Amino acid sequence: MRASYAKRRVALVEALARHAPDVAVTGLEAGFHAVAHLPGQLAEQPVIAAARERSIGLYGMSEHRSSGSPSPAQLVLGFGNLSERSIAAGIAAAGDLLRGGRKEHRRHAR
C-alpha cells in the first residue's frame, strides 16, 4: 500500500512541476494531502471556482484556518484516493489556473 501512495505522491509532484512549476508544495510527508502555495498574484477562491467549472476538485486552505483568512493563497490537494492517471490529468487540466494564466483569477491590486 505504501508503494501505491508513494507513486501517487510522485505523480502529483511531477504533474505540478510540468504544468505549474511556480507552485510550491509542502506537507507531502504528512499523508494523503499536500499544500500547494499559489504564486503571489493568485487568489484562492477564483482558482477553486474555475477548477470546479472544469469538474476538478480543488479546496482552499482558508476553509481549514480558524480565521478563515484567504491569505496566503493555498490549496489542499488530496491524492490518496486518486489514480496516478487522474492526478496527472487533473493537474494538467488546471495548470493554466495554477500558473495564473487567466487574468480574472489574480488578486486585485489595492
N, C-alpha and C. Protein backbone atom coordinates (compact mmCIF):
# COMPACT_ATOMS: atom_id res chain seq x y z
N MET A 1 0.81 -1.19 0.00
CA MET A 1 0.00 0.00 0.00
C MET A 1 0.86 1.26 0.00
N ARG A 2 1.91 1.26 0.79
CA ARG A 2 2.78 2.44 0.84
C ARG A 2 3.36 2.76 -0.53
N ALA A 3 3.70 1.73 -1.29
CA ALA A 3 4.25 1.95 -2.62
C ALA A 3 3.23 2.62 -3.52
N SER A 4 1.95 2.28 -3.39
CA SER A 4 0.89 2.90 -4.19
C SER A 4 0.79 4.39 -3.89
N TYR A 5 0.80 4.71 -2.60
CA TYR A 5 0.70 6.11 -2.22
C TYR A 5 1.95 6.89 -2.60
N ALA A 6 3.08 6.27 -2.52
CA ALA A 6 4.32 6.92 -2.94
C ALA A 6 4.27 7.25 -4.43
N LYS A 7 3.73 6.34 -5.22
CA LYS A 7 3.60 6.59 -6.67
C LYS A 7 2.64 7.74 -6.94
N ARG A 8 1.57 7.81 -6.17
CA ARG A 8 0.61 8.92 -6.33
C ARG A 8 1.25 10.25 -5.95
N ARG A 9 2.01 10.22 -4.88
CA ARG A 9 2.71 11.44 -4.44
C ARG A 9 3.68 11.90 -5.52
N VAL A 10 4.42 10.98 -6.10
CA VAL A 10 5.35 11.31 -7.19
C VAL A 10 4.59 11.84 -8.39
N ALA A 11 3.45 11.24 -8.71
CA ALA A 11 2.64 11.71 -9.84
C ALA A 11 2.20 13.16 -9.61
N LEU A 12 1.82 13.49 -8.39
CA LEU A 12 1.41 14.85 -8.07
C LEU A 12 2.56 15.83 -8.24
N VAL A 13 3.70 15.50 -7.67
CA VAL A 13 4.87 16.38 -7.74
C VAL A 13 5.32 16.58 -9.19
N GLU A 14 5.35 15.51 -9.95
CA GLU A 14 5.77 15.61 -11.35
C GLU A 14 4.78 16.41 -12.19
N ALA A 15 3.48 16.21 -11.95
CA ALA A 15 2.47 16.96 -12.70
C ALA A 15 2.55 18.45 -12.38
N LEU A 16 2.74 18.79 -11.12
CA LEU A 16 2.88 20.20 -10.75
C LEU A 16 4.15 20.80 -11.36
N ALA A 17 5.23 20.05 -11.34
CA ALA A 17 6.48 20.56 -11.92
C ALA A 17 6.31 20.82 -13.41
N ARG A 18 5.55 20.01 -14.08
CA ARG A 18 5.35 20.15 -15.52
C ARG A 18 4.34 21.27 -15.85
N HIS A 19 3.22 21.31 -15.14
CA HIS A 19 2.11 22.18 -15.53
C HIS A 19 1.99 23.46 -14.70
N ALA A 20 2.62 23.50 -13.54
CA ALA A 20 2.54 24.68 -12.68
C ALA A 20 3.83 24.79 -11.87
N PRO A 21 4.94 25.03 -12.55
CA PRO A 21 6.25 24.99 -11.87
C PRO A 21 6.45 26.05 -10.79
N ASP A 22 5.66 27.10 -10.78
CA ASP A 22 5.81 28.14 -9.76
C ASP A 22 5.03 27.84 -8.49
N VAL A 23 4.30 26.74 -8.48
CA VAL A 23 3.53 26.36 -7.30
C VAL A 23 4.41 25.50 -6.39
N ALA A 24 4.70 26.03 -5.21
CA ALA A 24 5.48 25.27 -4.23
C ALA A 24 4.53 24.30 -3.52
N VAL A 25 5.06 23.14 -3.15
CA VAL A 25 4.24 22.12 -2.48
C VAL A 25 4.92 21.73 -1.18
N THR A 26 4.12 21.68 -0.11
CA THR A 26 4.62 21.24 1.19
C THR A 26 3.65 20.20 1.75
N GLY A 27 4.07 19.56 2.81
CA GLY A 27 3.22 18.63 3.52
C GLY A 27 3.13 17.25 2.91
N LEU A 28 3.94 16.96 1.93
CA LEU A 28 3.86 15.66 1.26
C LEU A 28 4.14 14.49 2.18
N GLU A 29 4.97 14.70 3.18
CA GLU A 29 5.31 13.62 4.09
C GLU A 29 4.22 13.37 5.12
N ALA A 30 3.19 14.20 5.14
CA ALA A 30 2.16 14.10 6.17
C ALA A 30 1.08 13.06 5.87
N GLY A 31 0.98 12.59 4.65
CA GLY A 31 -0.05 11.60 4.37
C GLY A 31 -0.61 11.70 2.98
N PHE A 32 -1.92 11.81 2.90
CA PHE A 32 -2.62 11.75 1.62
C PHE A 32 -3.00 13.11 1.05
N HIS A 33 -2.50 14.17 1.65
CA HIS A 33 -2.77 15.53 1.19
C HIS A 33 -1.47 16.31 1.12
N ALA A 34 -1.48 17.30 0.25
CA ALA A 34 -0.35 18.22 0.16
C ALA A 34 -0.92 19.64 0.14
N VAL A 35 -0.08 20.61 0.43
CA VAL A 35 -0.48 22.01 0.37
C VAL A 35 0.24 22.66 -0.79
N ALA A 36 -0.53 23.22 -1.70
CA ALA A 36 0.02 23.95 -2.85
C ALA A 36 -0.03 25.43 -2.53
N HIS A 37 1.11 26.09 -2.61
CA HIS A 37 1.23 27.52 -2.32
C HIS A 37 1.13 28.25 -3.65
N LEU A 38 0.02 28.96 -3.85
CA LEU A 38 -0.20 29.63 -5.12
C LEU A 38 0.74 30.82 -5.28
N PRO A 39 1.14 31.10 -6.51
CA PRO A 39 2.01 32.26 -6.75
C PRO A 39 1.33 33.54 -6.25
N GLY A 40 2.12 34.51 -5.91
CA GLY A 40 1.66 35.74 -5.27
C GLY A 40 0.49 36.47 -5.90
N GLN A 41 0.33 36.40 -7.20
CA GLN A 41 -0.72 37.16 -7.85
C GLN A 41 -2.07 36.45 -7.85
N LEU A 42 -2.12 35.21 -7.40
CA LEU A 42 -3.35 34.43 -7.45
C LEU A 42 -4.14 34.49 -6.15
N ALA A 43 -5.46 34.50 -6.30
CA ALA A 43 -6.36 34.42 -5.16
C ALA A 43 -6.96 33.02 -5.13
N GLU A 44 -7.17 32.51 -3.96
CA GLU A 44 -7.61 31.13 -3.76
C GLU A 44 -8.99 30.83 -4.35
N GLN A 45 -9.99 31.61 -3.98
CA GLN A 45 -11.37 31.29 -4.36
C GLN A 45 -11.64 31.34 -5.87
N PRO A 46 -11.14 32.31 -6.60
CA PRO A 46 -11.38 32.28 -8.06
C PRO A 46 -10.75 31.06 -8.74
N VAL A 47 -9.60 30.63 -8.27
CA VAL A 47 -8.96 29.44 -8.83
C VAL A 47 -9.82 28.21 -8.54
N ILE A 48 -10.33 28.10 -7.32
CA ILE A 48 -11.18 26.97 -6.93
C ILE A 48 -12.45 26.95 -7.77
N ALA A 49 -13.08 28.10 -7.91
CA ALA A 49 -14.33 28.19 -8.68
C ALA A 49 -14.11 27.81 -10.15
N ALA A 50 -13.04 28.30 -10.74
CA ALA A 50 -12.75 27.98 -12.14
C ALA A 50 -12.43 26.49 -12.30
N ALA A 51 -11.75 25.91 -11.33
CA ALA A 51 -11.45 24.48 -11.38
C ALA A 51 -12.74 23.67 -11.30
N ARG A 52 -13.65 24.09 -10.46
CA ARG A 52 -14.92 23.36 -10.33
C ARG A 52 -15.72 23.41 -11.63
N GLU A 53 -15.63 24.52 -12.36
CA GLU A 53 -16.28 24.61 -13.66
C GLU A 53 -15.75 23.55 -14.62
N ARG A 54 -14.54 23.09 -14.36
CA ARG A 54 -13.90 22.05 -15.17
C ARG A 54 -14.03 20.67 -14.52
N SER A 55 -14.84 20.57 -13.49
CA SER A 55 -15.04 19.33 -12.73
C SER A 55 -13.77 18.84 -12.06
N ILE A 56 -12.96 19.79 -11.60
CA ILE A 56 -11.73 19.49 -10.87
C ILE A 56 -11.93 19.93 -9.43
N GLY A 57 -11.74 19.03 -8.50
CA GLY A 57 -11.93 19.36 -7.09
C GLY A 57 -10.67 19.92 -6.46
N LEU A 58 -10.63 21.22 -6.30
CA LEU A 58 -9.57 21.88 -5.54
C LEU A 58 -10.21 22.51 -4.32
N TYR A 59 -9.49 22.52 -3.22
CA TYR A 59 -10.04 23.02 -1.97
C TYR A 59 -9.07 24.00 -1.33
N GLY A 60 -9.61 25.09 -0.82
CA GLY A 60 -8.78 26.13 -0.25
C GLY A 60 -8.38 25.86 1.19
N MET A 61 -7.19 26.29 1.53
CA MET A 61 -6.70 26.17 2.90
C MET A 61 -7.50 27.09 3.82
N SER A 62 -8.08 28.17 3.29
CA SER A 62 -8.82 29.11 4.13
C SER A 62 -9.96 28.41 4.88
N GLU A 63 -10.53 27.36 4.30
CA GLU A 63 -11.60 26.60 4.96
C GLU A 63 -11.10 25.92 6.23
N HIS A 64 -9.81 25.71 6.33
CA HIS A 64 -9.24 24.98 7.46
C HIS A 64 -8.55 25.90 8.48
N ARG A 65 -8.56 27.18 8.21
CA ARG A 65 -7.96 28.14 9.16
C ARG A 65 -9.03 28.64 10.13
N SER A 66 -8.67 28.78 11.37
CA SER A 66 -9.65 29.27 12.36
C SER A 66 -10.13 30.67 12.00
N SER A 67 -9.28 31.45 11.37
CA SER A 67 -9.65 32.82 10.98
C SER A 67 -10.42 32.85 9.66
N GLY A 68 -10.32 31.79 8.86
CA GLY A 68 -10.94 31.77 7.54
C GLY A 68 -10.23 32.64 6.53
N SER A 69 -9.08 33.14 6.90
CA SER A 69 -8.34 34.06 6.04
C SER A 69 -7.95 33.40 4.71
N PRO A 70 -8.17 34.11 3.59
CA PRO A 70 -7.78 33.58 2.29
C PRO A 70 -6.30 33.79 1.96
N SER A 71 -5.58 34.36 2.91
CA SER A 71 -4.18 34.66 2.66
C SER A 71 -3.32 34.00 3.74
N PRO A 72 -2.26 33.36 3.34
CA PRO A 72 -1.74 33.21 1.99
C PRO A 72 -2.61 32.26 1.17
N ALA A 73 -2.61 32.44 -0.13
CA ALA A 73 -3.41 31.63 -1.04
C ALA A 73 -2.79 30.24 -1.16
N GLN A 74 -3.51 29.25 -0.64
CA GLN A 74 -3.02 27.87 -0.65
C GLN A 74 -4.17 26.92 -0.94
N LEU A 75 -3.84 25.81 -1.56
CA LEU A 75 -4.82 24.77 -1.85
C LEU A 75 -4.44 23.49 -1.14
N VAL A 76 -5.43 22.73 -0.71
CA VAL A 76 -5.23 21.41 -0.16
C VAL A 76 -5.46 20.43 -1.31
N LEU A 77 -4.45 19.65 -1.64
CA LEU A 77 -4.54 18.71 -2.74
C LEU A 77 -4.54 17.28 -2.18
N GLY A 78 -5.68 16.63 -2.28
CA GLY A 78 -5.79 15.24 -1.84
C GLY A 78 -5.39 14.31 -2.97
N PHE A 79 -4.59 13.31 -2.66
CA PHE A 79 -4.16 12.39 -3.70
C PHE A 79 -4.27 10.93 -3.29
N GLY A 80 -4.71 10.65 -2.09
CA GLY A 80 -4.76 9.29 -1.59
C GLY A 80 -5.80 8.41 -2.26
N ASN A 81 -6.87 9.02 -2.75
CA ASN A 81 -7.98 8.25 -3.31
C ASN A 81 -8.06 8.37 -4.83
N LEU A 82 -6.99 8.83 -5.46
CA LEU A 82 -6.97 9.02 -6.91
C LEU A 82 -5.89 8.16 -7.55
N SER A 83 -6.13 7.80 -8.79
CA SER A 83 -5.09 7.06 -9.52
C SER A 83 -4.02 8.03 -9.99
N GLU A 84 -2.87 7.51 -10.32
CA GLU A 84 -1.80 8.35 -10.85
C GLU A 84 -2.26 9.08 -12.11
N ARG A 85 -2.99 8.37 -12.95
CA ARG A 85 -3.51 8.96 -14.19
C ARG A 85 -4.47 10.12 -13.89
N SER A 86 -5.35 9.95 -12.91
CA SER A 86 -6.29 11.01 -12.54
C SER A 86 -5.58 12.22 -11.98
N ILE A 87 -4.57 11.98 -11.17
CA ILE A 87 -3.80 13.09 -10.61
C ILE A 87 -3.15 13.89 -11.73
N ALA A 88 -2.47 13.20 -12.64
CA ALA A 88 -1.80 13.88 -13.75
C ALA A 88 -2.79 14.63 -14.62
N ALA A 89 -3.94 14.02 -14.91
CA ALA A 89 -4.94 14.66 -15.77
C ALA A 89 -5.54 15.89 -15.09
N GLY A 90 -5.83 15.78 -13.80
CA GLY A 90 -6.40 16.91 -13.07
C GLY A 90 -5.47 18.10 -13.01
N ILE A 91 -4.21 17.85 -12.71
CA ILE A 91 -3.23 18.95 -12.65
C ILE A 91 -3.01 19.54 -14.05
N ALA A 92 -2.97 18.70 -15.05
CA ALA A 92 -2.81 19.20 -16.43
C ALA A 92 -3.99 20.10 -16.81
N ALA A 93 -5.20 19.68 -16.43
CA ALA A 93 -6.39 20.45 -16.77
C ALA A 93 -6.48 21.77 -16.00
N ALA A 94 -5.88 21.81 -14.83
CA ALA A 94 -5.92 23.03 -14.02
C ALA A 94 -4.62 23.83 -14.11
N GLY A 95 -3.68 23.38 -14.89
CA GLY A 95 -2.36 24.01 -14.95
C GLY A 95 -2.39 25.49 -15.23
N ASP A 96 -3.21 25.92 -16.20
CA ASP A 96 -3.27 27.35 -16.52
C ASP A 96 -3.82 28.16 -15.36
N LEU A 97 -4.75 27.58 -14.60
CA LEU A 97 -5.30 28.27 -13.43
C LEU A 97 -4.25 28.43 -12.35
N LEU A 98 -3.48 27.37 -12.13
CA LEU A 98 -2.44 27.39 -11.10
C LEU A 98 -1.27 28.29 -11.47
N ARG A 99 -1.07 28.50 -12.74
CA ARG A 99 0.01 29.39 -13.20
C ARG A 99 -0.45 30.84 -13.25
N GLY A 100 -1.74 31.08 -13.12
CA GLY A 100 -2.24 32.45 -13.18
C GLY A 100 -2.44 32.93 -14.59
N GLY A 101 -2.66 32.01 -15.52
CA GLY A 101 -2.81 32.36 -16.92
C GLY A 101 -4.07 33.11 -17.25
N ARG A 102 -5.08 33.02 -16.40
CA ARG A 102 -6.33 33.73 -16.65
C ARG A 102 -6.40 34.94 -15.73
N LYS A 103 -6.51 36.10 -16.31
CA LYS A 103 -6.43 37.37 -15.59
C LYS A 103 -7.43 37.48 -14.43
N GLU A 104 -8.64 36.94 -14.60
CA GLU A 104 -9.67 37.09 -13.59
C GLU A 104 -9.38 36.31 -12.31
N HIS A 105 -8.35 35.47 -12.30
CA HIS A 105 -8.01 34.70 -11.10
C HIS A 105 -6.93 35.35 -10.27
N ARG A 106 -6.47 36.48 -10.73
CA ARG A 106 -5.42 37.18 -9.98
C ARG A 106 -6.02 38.08 -8.93
N ARG A 107 -5.22 38.39 -7.94
CA ARG A 107 -5.65 39.32 -6.89
C ARG A 107 -5.68 40.72 -7.48
N HIS A 108 -6.62 41.50 -6.96
CA HIS A 108 -6.68 42.90 -7.37
C HIS A 108 -5.70 43.71 -6.56
N ALA A 109 -4.98 44.59 -7.24
CA ALA A 109 -4.04 45.47 -6.54
C ALA A 109 -4.84 46.46 -5.69
N ARG A 110 -4.34 46.76 -4.52
CA ARG A 110 -5.04 47.70 -3.63
C ARG A 110 -4.29 48.99 -3.55
